[in-house]
PDB file of all heavy atoms in Angstrom:
ATOM      1  N   ASP A   1     -17.298  19.904 -19.531  1.00  0.00           N
ATOM      2  CA  ASP A   1     -18.112  19.747 -20.617  1.00  0.00           C
ATOM      3  C   ASP A   1     -19.004  18.527 -20.704  1.00  0.00           C
ATOM      4  O   ASP A   1     -20.143  18.730 -21.053  1.00  0.00           O
ATOM      5  CB  ASP A   1     -17.162  19.825 -21.985  1.00  0.00           C
ATOM      6  CG  ASP A   1     -16.243  18.692 -22.013  1.00  0.00           C
ATOM      7  OD1 ASP A   1     -15.973  17.984 -20.991  1.00  0.00           O
ATOM      8  OD2 ASP A   1     -15.675  18.271 -23.020  1.00  0.00           O
ATOM      9  N   ASP A   2     -18.471  17.432 -20.080  1.00  0.00           N
ATOM     10  CA  ASP A   2     -19.245  16.161 -20.238  1.00  0.00           C
ATOM     11  C   ASP A   2     -18.940  15.324 -18.939  1.00  0.00           C
ATOM     12  O   ASP A   2     -19.503  14.264 -18.936  1.00  0.00           O
ATOM     13  CB  ASP A   2     -18.925  15.418 -21.493  1.00  0.00           C
ATOM     14  CG  ASP A   2     -17.451  15.110 -21.619  1.00  0.00           C
ATOM     15  OD1 ASP A   2     -16.671  15.373 -20.612  1.00  0.00           O
ATOM     16  OD2 ASP A   2     -17.044  14.569 -22.490  1.00  0.00           O
ATOM     17  N   GLY A   3     -18.384  15.900 -18.117  1.00  0.00           N
ATOM     18  CA  GLY A   3     -18.009  15.119 -16.757  1.00  0.00           C
ATOM     19  C   GLY A   3     -16.798  14.408 -16.902  1.00  0.00           C
ATOM     20  O   GLY A   3     -16.307  13.891 -15.881  1.00  0.00           O
ATOM     21  N   GLN A   4     -16.203  14.228 -18.166  1.00  0.00           N
ATOM     22  CA  GLN A   4     -15.094  13.493 -18.246  1.00  0.00           C
ATOM     23  C   GLN A   4     -13.855  14.483 -18.062  1.00  0.00           C
ATOM     24  O   GLN A   4     -12.788  13.929 -17.576  1.00  0.00           O
ATOM     25  CB  GLN A   4     -14.898  12.809 -19.703  1.00  0.00           C
ATOM     26  CG  GLN A   4     -15.866  11.681 -19.816  1.00  0.00           C
ATOM     27  CD  GLN A   4     -15.809  10.960 -21.217  1.00  0.00           C
ATOM     28  OE1 GLN A   4     -14.773  11.177 -21.903  1.00  0.00           O
ATOM     29  NE2 GLN A   4     -16.796  10.403 -21.635  1.00  0.00           N
ATOM     30  N   HIS A   5     -13.992  15.624 -18.576  1.00  0.00           N
ATOM     31  CA  HIS A   5     -12.896  16.727 -18.348  1.00  0.00           C
ATOM     32  C   HIS A   5     -13.354  17.708 -17.325  1.00  0.00           C
ATOM     33  O   HIS A   5     -14.446  18.215 -17.581  1.00  0.00           O
ATOM     34  CB  HIS A   5     -12.573  17.308 -19.746  1.00  0.00           C
ATOM     35  CG  HIS A   5     -12.188  16.342 -20.857  1.00  0.00           C
ATOM     36  ND1 HIS A   5     -13.199  15.781 -21.644  1.00  0.00           N
ATOM     37  CD2 HIS A   5     -11.078  15.842 -21.105  1.00  0.00           C
ATOM     38  CE1 HIS A   5     -12.525  14.921 -22.492  1.00  0.00           C
ATOM     39  NE2 HIS A   5     -11.306  14.904 -22.041  1.00  0.00           N
ATOM     40  N   VAL A   6     -12.366  18.050 -16.457  1.00  0.00           N
ATOM     41  CA  VAL A   6     -12.815  19.060 -15.447  1.00  0.00           C
ATOM     42  C   VAL A   6     -11.667  19.982 -15.347  1.00  0.00           C
ATOM     43  O   VAL A   6     -10.474  19.627 -15.365  1.00  0.00           O
ATOM     44  CB  VAL A   6     -13.087  18.430 -14.087  1.00  0.00           C
ATOM     45  CG1 VAL A   6     -13.400  19.364 -12.938  1.00  0.00           C
ATOM     46  CG2 VAL A   6     -14.252  17.433 -14.131  1.00  0.00           C
ATOM     47  N   ALA A   7     -11.955  21.238 -14.974  1.00  0.00           N
ATOM     48  CA  ALA A   7     -10.991  22.305 -14.689  1.00  0.00           C
ATOM     49  C   ALA A   7     -11.478  22.991 -13.493  1.00  0.00           C
ATOM     50  O   ALA A   7     -12.530  23.142 -13.269  1.00  0.00           O
ATOM     51  CB  ALA A   7     -10.753  23.207 -15.886  1.00  0.00           C
ATOM     52  N   SER A   8     -10.510  23.487 -12.729  1.00  0.00           N
ATOM     53  CA  SER A   8     -10.697  24.252 -11.417  1.00  0.00           C
ATOM     54  C   SER A   8     -10.246  25.670 -11.671  1.00  0.00           C
ATOM     55  O   SER A   8      -9.175  25.938 -12.289  1.00  0.00           O
ATOM     56  CB  SER A   8     -10.258  23.553 -10.231  1.00  0.00           C
ATOM     57  OG  SER A   8      -8.915  23.272 -10.414  1.00  0.00           O
ATOM     58  N   ILE A   9     -11.019  26.547 -11.132  1.00  0.00           N
ATOM     59  CA  ILE A   9     -10.663  28.057 -11.332  1.00  0.00           C
ATOM     60  C   ILE A   9     -10.804  28.798 -10.067  1.00  0.00           C
ATOM     61  O   ILE A   9     -11.747  28.553  -9.252  1.00  0.00           O
ATOM     62  CB  ILE A   9     -11.707  28.652 -12.296  1.00  0.00           C
ATOM     63  CG1 ILE A   9     -11.591  27.927 -13.651  1.00  0.00           C
ATOM     64  CG2 ILE A   9     -11.617  30.171 -12.439  1.00  0.00           C
ATOM     65  CD1 ILE A   9     -12.627  28.316 -14.623  1.00  0.00           C
ATOM     66  N   GLN A  10      -9.752  29.519  -9.801  1.00  0.00           N
ATOM     67  CA  GLN A  10      -9.748  30.463  -8.638  1.00  0.00           C
ATOM     68  C   GLN A  10      -9.894  31.940  -9.258  1.00  0.00           C
ATOM     69  O   GLN A  10      -9.172  32.337 -10.089  1.00  0.00           O
ATOM     70  CB  GLN A  10      -8.285  30.414  -7.976  1.00  0.00           C
ATOM     71  CG  GLN A  10      -8.227  31.401  -6.854  1.00  0.00           C
ATOM     72  CD  GLN A  10      -9.106  31.120  -5.650  1.00  0.00           C
ATOM     73  OE1 GLN A  10      -9.484  30.064  -5.361  1.00  0.00           O
ATOM     74  NE2 GLN A  10      -9.326  32.118  -4.952  1.00  0.00           N
ATOM     75  N   VAL A  11     -10.941  32.493  -8.805  1.00  0.00           N
ATOM     76  CA  VAL A  11     -11.355  33.866  -9.362  1.00  0.00           C
ATOM     77  C   VAL A  11     -10.908  34.918  -8.340  1.00  0.00           C
ATOM     78  O   VAL A  11     -11.145  34.735  -7.077  1.00  0.00           O
ATOM     79  CB  VAL A  11     -12.809  34.013  -9.494  1.00  0.00           C
ATOM     80  CG1 VAL A  11     -13.176  35.507 -10.129  1.00  0.00           C
ATOM     81  CG2 VAL A  11     -13.338  32.961 -10.632  1.00  0.00           C
ATOM     82  N   LYS A  12     -10.177  35.904  -8.869  1.00  0.00           N
ATOM     83  CA  LYS A  12      -9.822  37.072  -8.054  1.00  0.00           C
ATOM     84  C   LYS A  12     -10.274  38.267  -8.783  1.00  0.00           C
ATOM     85  O   LYS A  12      -9.965  38.478 -10.020  1.00  0.00           O
ATOM     86  CB  LYS A  12      -8.249  37.138  -7.972  1.00  0.00           C
ATOM     87  CG  LYS A  12      -7.539  35.958  -7.284  1.00  0.00           C
ATOM     88  CD  LYS A  12      -7.826  35.977  -5.904  1.00  0.00           C
ATOM     89  CE  LYS A  12      -7.212  34.812  -5.075  1.00  0.00           C
ATOM     90  NZ  LYS A  12      -7.560  34.808  -3.696  1.00  0.00           N
ATOM     91  N   ALA A  13     -11.196  39.048  -8.061  1.00  0.00           N
ATOM     92  CA  ALA A  13     -11.687  40.304  -8.660  1.00  0.00           C
ATOM     93  C   ALA A  13     -11.357  41.454  -7.780  1.00  0.00           C
ATOM     94  O   ALA A  13     -11.343  41.502  -6.582  1.00  0.00           O
ATOM     95  CB  ALA A  13     -13.223  40.065  -8.735  1.00  0.00           C
ATOM     96  N   SER A  14     -11.225  42.622  -8.541  1.00  0.00           N
ATOM     97  CA  SER A  14     -11.017  43.800  -7.775  1.00  0.00           C
ATOM     98  C   SER A  14     -11.735  44.903  -8.592  1.00  0.00           C
ATOM     99  O   SER A  14     -12.134  44.822  -9.655  1.00  0.00           O
ATOM    100  CB  SER A  14      -9.536  44.153  -7.621  1.00  0.00           C
ATOM    101  OG  SER A  14      -8.954  44.403  -9.047  1.00  0.00           O
ATOM    102  N   GLN A  15     -11.918  45.914  -7.876  1.00  0.00           N
ATOM    103  CA  GLN A  15     -12.621  47.071  -8.456  1.00  0.00           C
ATOM    104  C   GLN A  15     -11.579  48.149  -8.856  1.00  0.00           C
ATOM    105  O   GLN A  15     -11.036  48.852  -7.993  1.00  0.00           O
ATOM    106  CB  GLN A  15     -13.683  47.752  -7.496  1.00  0.00           C
ATOM    107  CG  GLN A  15     -14.633  48.667  -8.169  1.00  0.00           C
ATOM    108  CD  GLN A  15     -15.833  48.950  -7.395  1.00  0.00           C
ATOM    109  OE1 GLN A  15     -15.780  49.157  -6.192  1.00  0.00           O
ATOM    110  NE2 GLN A  15     -17.081  49.038  -8.040  1.00  0.00           N
ATOM    111  N   GLY A  16     -11.363  48.132 -10.175  1.00  0.00           N
ATOM    112  CA  GLY A  16     -10.194  48.879 -10.761  1.00  0.00           C
ATOM    113  C   GLY A  16     -10.495  50.380 -10.760  1.00  0.00           C
ATOM    114  O   GLY A  16     -11.586  50.841 -11.059  1.00  0.00           O
ATOM    115  N   LYS A  17      -9.453  51.183 -10.428  1.00  0.00           N
ATOM    116  CA  LYS A  17      -9.488  52.517 -10.501  1.00  0.00           C
ATOM    117  C   LYS A  17      -8.386  52.987 -11.502  1.00  0.00           C
ATOM    118  O   LYS A  17      -8.576  53.808 -12.332  1.00  0.00           O
ATOM    119  CB  LYS A  17      -9.310  53.189  -9.115  1.00  0.00           C
ATOM    120  CG  LYS A  17     -10.360  52.888  -8.169  1.00  0.00           C
ATOM    121  CD  LYS A  17     -10.078  53.483  -6.856  1.00  0.00           C
ATOM    122  CE  LYS A  17     -11.005  52.847  -5.697  1.00  0.00           C
ATOM    123  NZ  LYS A  17     -10.599  53.360  -4.354  1.00  0.00           N
ATOM    124  N   THR A  18      -7.243  52.530 -11.191  1.00  0.00           N
ATOM    125  CA  THR A  18      -5.987  52.935 -11.957  1.00  0.00           C
ATOM    126  C   THR A  18      -5.042  51.659 -12.210  1.00  0.00           C
ATOM    127  O   THR A  18      -5.427  50.523 -11.861  1.00  0.00           O
ATOM    128  CB  THR A  18      -5.174  54.024 -11.111  1.00  0.00           C
ATOM    129  OG1 THR A  18      -4.868  53.350  -9.771  1.00  0.00           O
ATOM    130  CG2 THR A  18      -6.164  55.096 -10.754  1.00  0.00           C
ATOM    131  N   GLN A  19      -3.923  51.979 -12.917  1.00  0.00           N
ATOM    132  CA  GLN A  19      -2.946  50.977 -12.984  1.00  0.00           C
ATOM    133  C   GLN A  19      -1.994  50.957 -11.852  1.00  0.00           C
ATOM    134  O   GLN A  19      -1.948  52.092 -11.080  1.00  0.00           O
ATOM    135  CB  GLN A  19      -2.126  51.326 -14.349  1.00  0.00           C
ATOM    136  CG  GLN A  19      -3.050  51.534 -15.454  1.00  0.00           C
ATOM    137  CD  GLN A  19      -3.631  50.150 -15.912  1.00  0.00           C
ATOM    138  OE1 GLN A  19      -3.454  49.134 -15.367  1.00  0.00           O
ATOM    139  NE2 GLN A  19      -4.546  50.261 -16.920  1.00  0.00           N
ATOM    140  N   PRO A  20      -1.177  50.127 -11.499  1.00  0.00           N
ATOM    141  CA  PRO A  20      -1.095  48.863 -12.108  1.00  0.00           C
ATOM    142  C   PRO A  20      -2.252  47.960 -11.732  1.00  0.00           C
ATOM    143  O   PRO A  20      -2.889  48.069 -10.575  1.00  0.00           O
ATOM    144  CB  PRO A  20       0.223  48.162 -11.630  1.00  0.00           C
ATOM    145  CG  PRO A  20       0.403  48.858 -10.193  1.00  0.00           C
ATOM    146  CD  PRO A  20      -0.278  50.097 -10.406  1.00  0.00           C
ATOM    147  N   ARG A  21      -2.560  47.016 -12.601  1.00  0.00           N
ATOM    148  CA  ARG A  21      -3.632  45.954 -12.172  1.00  0.00           C
ATOM    149  C   ARG A  21      -2.911  44.898 -11.464  1.00  0.00           C
ATOM    150  O   ARG A  21      -1.983  44.256 -12.007  1.00  0.00           O
ATOM    151  CB  ARG A  21      -4.318  45.579 -13.480  1.00  0.00           C
ATOM    152  CG  ARG A  21      -5.092  46.567 -13.992  1.00  0.00           C
ATOM    153  CD  ARG A  21      -5.589  46.347 -15.501  1.00  0.00           C
ATOM    154  NE  ARG A  21      -4.370  46.421 -16.264  1.00  0.00           N
ATOM    155  CZ  ARG A  21      -4.355  46.238 -17.644  1.00  0.00           C
ATOM    156  NH1 ARG A  21      -5.418  45.994 -18.132  1.00  0.00           N
ATOM    157  NH2 ARG A  21      -3.310  46.409 -18.204  1.00  0.00           N
ATOM    158  N   GLN A  22      -3.344  44.711 -10.248  1.00  0.00           N
ATOM    159  CA  GLN A  22      -2.663  43.557  -9.381  1.00  0.00           C
ATOM    160  C   GLN A  22      -3.749  43.084  -8.450  1.00  0.00           C
ATOM    161  O   GLN A  22      -4.644  43.607  -8.067  1.00  0.00           O
ATOM    162  CB  GLN A  22      -1.526  44.147  -8.688  1.00  0.00           C
ATOM    163  CG  GLN A  22      -1.818  45.284  -7.743  1.00  0.00           C
ATOM    164  CD  GLN A  22      -0.555  45.891  -7.271  1.00  0.00           C
ATOM    165  OE1 GLN A  22       0.535  45.724  -7.754  1.00  0.00           O
ATOM    166  NE2 GLN A  22      -0.734  46.821  -6.249  1.00  0.00           N
ATOM    167  N   TRP A  23      -3.478  41.733  -8.058  1.00  0.00           N
ATOM    168  CA  TRP A  23      -4.481  41.015  -7.254  1.00  0.00           C
ATOM    169  C   TRP A  23      -3.684  40.269  -6.188  1.00  0.00           C
ATOM    170  O   TRP A  23      -2.570  39.663  -6.472  1.00  0.00           O
ATOM    171  CB  TRP A  23      -5.221  40.075  -7.937  1.00  0.00           C
ATOM    172  CG  TRP A  23      -6.234  40.620  -9.034  1.00  0.00           C
ATOM    173  CD1 TRP A  23      -7.536  40.934  -8.763  1.00  0.00           C
ATOM    174  CD2 TRP A  23      -5.927  41.115 -10.268  1.00  0.00           C
ATOM    175  NE1 TRP A  23      -8.129  41.532  -9.959  1.00  0.00           N
ATOM    176  CE2 TRP A  23      -7.030  41.726 -10.810  1.00  0.00           C
ATOM    177  CE3 TRP A  23      -4.707  41.129 -11.117  1.00  0.00           C
ATOM    178  CZ2 TRP A  23      -7.153  42.262 -12.192  1.00  0.00           C
ATOM    179  CZ3 TRP A  23      -4.790  41.764 -12.406  1.00  0.00           C
ATOM    180  CH2 TRP A  23      -5.974  42.182 -12.790  1.00  0.00           C
ATOM    181  N   ILE A  24      -4.144  40.266  -4.957  1.00  0.00           N
ATOM    182  CA  ILE A  24      -3.555  39.522  -3.881  1.00  0.00           C
ATOM    183  C   ILE A  24      -3.966  38.006  -4.202  1.00  0.00           C
ATOM    184  O   ILE A  24      -5.197  37.752  -4.417  1.00  0.00           O
ATOM    185  CB  ILE A  24      -4.143  39.893  -2.535  1.00  0.00           C
ATOM    186  CG1 ILE A  24      -3.787  41.339  -2.189  1.00  0.00           C
ATOM    187  CG2 ILE A  24      -3.728  38.975  -1.495  1.00  0.00           C
ATOM    188  CD1 ILE A  24      -4.502  41.973  -1.010  1.00  0.00           C
ATOM    189  N   VAL A  25      -3.044  37.177  -4.083  1.00  0.00           N
ATOM    190  CA  VAL A  25      -3.346  35.741  -4.466  1.00  0.00           C
ATOM    191  C   VAL A  25      -3.179  34.802  -3.304  1.00  0.00           C
ATOM    192  O   VAL A  25      -3.368  33.553  -3.388  1.00  0.00           O
ATOM    193  CB  VAL A  25      -2.255  35.214  -5.664  1.00  0.00           C
ATOM    194  CG1 VAL A  25      -2.513  35.924  -6.792  1.00  0.00           C
ATOM    195  CG2 VAL A  25      -0.776  35.494  -5.104  1.00  0.00           C
ATOM    196  N   GLY A  26      -2.961  35.210  -2.031  1.00  0.00           N
ATOM    197  CA  GLY A  26      -2.844  34.534  -0.964  1.00  0.00           C
ATOM    198  C   GLY A  26      -1.475  34.040  -0.620  1.00  0.00           C
ATOM    199  O   GLY A  26      -0.551  34.415  -1.303  1.00  0.00           O
ATOM    200  N   LYS A  27      -1.192  33.459   0.541  1.00  0.00           N
ATOM    201  CA  LYS A  27       0.068  33.265   1.015  1.00  0.00           C
ATOM    202  C   LYS A  27       0.664  31.913   0.533  1.00  0.00           C
ATOM    203  O   LYS A  27       1.861  31.826   0.501  1.00  0.00           O
ATOM    204  CB  LYS A  27       0.105  33.045   2.539  1.00  0.00           C
ATOM    205  CG  LYS A  27      -0.204  34.344   3.302  1.00  0.00           C
ATOM    206  CD  LYS A  27       0.973  35.239   3.394  1.00  0.00           C
ATOM    207  CE  LYS A  27       0.815  36.444   4.164  1.00  0.00           C
ATOM    208  NZ  LYS A  27       1.829  37.401   4.000  1.00  0.00           N
ATOM    209  N   ASN A  28      -0.147  30.942   0.109  1.00  0.00           N
ATOM    210  CA  ASN A  28       0.315  29.695  -0.341  1.00  0.00           C
ATOM    211  C   ASN A  28       0.421  29.604  -1.814  1.00  0.00           C
ATOM    212  O   ASN A  28      -0.504  29.915  -2.618  1.00  0.00           O
ATOM    213  CB  ASN A  28      -0.588  28.512   0.243  1.00  0.00           C
ATOM    214  CG  ASN A  28      -0.727  28.524   1.805  1.00  0.00           C
ATOM    215  OD1 ASN A  28       0.228  28.806   2.393  1.00  0.00           O
ATOM    216  ND2 ASN A  28      -2.005  28.531   2.184  1.00  0.00           N
ATOM    217  N   GLN A  29       1.554  29.033  -2.298  1.00  0.00           N
ATOM    218  CA  GLN A  29       1.751  28.772  -3.744  1.00  0.00           C
ATOM    219  C   GLN A  29       0.738  27.714  -4.204  1.00  0.00           C
ATOM    220  O   GLN A  29       0.512  26.701  -3.491  1.00  0.00           O
ATOM    221  CB  GLN A  29       3.058  28.182  -3.975  1.00  0.00           C
ATOM    222  CG  GLN A  29       4.344  29.215  -3.910  1.00  0.00           C
ATOM    223  CD  GLN A  29       5.594  28.673  -4.282  1.00  0.00           C
ATOM    224  OE1 GLN A  29       5.627  27.794  -5.228  1.00  0.00           O
ATOM    225  NE2 GLN A  29       6.593  29.087  -3.662  1.00  0.00           N
ATOM    226  N   PRO A  30       0.330  27.928  -5.373  1.00  0.00           N
ATOM    227  CA  PRO A  30      -0.714  26.861  -5.821  1.00  0.00           C
ATOM    228  C   PRO A  30       0.078  25.571  -6.310  1.00  0.00           C
ATOM    229  O   PRO A  30       1.253  25.675  -6.585  1.00  0.00           O
ATOM    230  CB  PRO A  30      -1.356  27.595  -7.164  1.00  0.00           C
ATOM    231  CG  PRO A  30      -0.331  28.461  -7.539  1.00  0.00           C
ATOM    232  CD  PRO A  30       0.365  29.009  -6.340  1.00  0.00           C
ATOM    233  N   ARG A  31      -0.680  24.495  -6.268  1.00  0.00           N
ATOM    234  CA  ARG A  31      -0.208  23.259  -6.793  1.00  0.00           C
ATOM    235  C   ARG A  31      -0.517  23.375  -8.361  1.00  0.00           C
ATOM    236  O   ARG A  31      -1.610  23.299  -8.768  1.00  0.00           O
ATOM    237  CB  ARG A  31      -0.719  22.176  -6.332  1.00  0.00           C
ATOM    238  CG  ARG A  31      -0.333  21.865  -4.868  1.00  0.00           C
ATOM    239  CD  ARG A  31      -0.820  20.579  -4.403  1.00  0.00           C
ATOM    240  NE  ARG A  31      -0.398  20.358  -3.000  1.00  0.00           N
ATOM    241  CZ  ARG A  31      -0.761  19.360  -2.295  1.00  0.00           C
ATOM    242  NH1 ARG A  31      -1.487  18.469  -2.748  1.00  0.00           N
ATOM    243  NH2 ARG A  31      -0.268  19.125  -1.140  1.00  0.00           N
ATOM    244  N   ALA A  32       0.423  23.707  -9.075  1.00  0.00           N
ATOM    245  CA  ALA A  32       0.279  23.993 -10.601  1.00  0.00           C
ATOM    246  C   ALA A  32      -0.186  22.755 -11.257  1.00  0.00           C
ATOM    247  O   ALA A  32       0.272  21.665 -10.961  1.00  0.00           O
ATOM    248  CB  ALA A  32       1.569  24.539 -11.167  1.00  0.00           C
TER     249      ALA A  32
END
């Protein structure tokens, strides 16, 4: 917002056809 606060985002997109909605997140656990 002003350079003092920062957030990082990983975007995962898929082209949905049916359920279930799921995304591959990679092999490595994120550092929460």
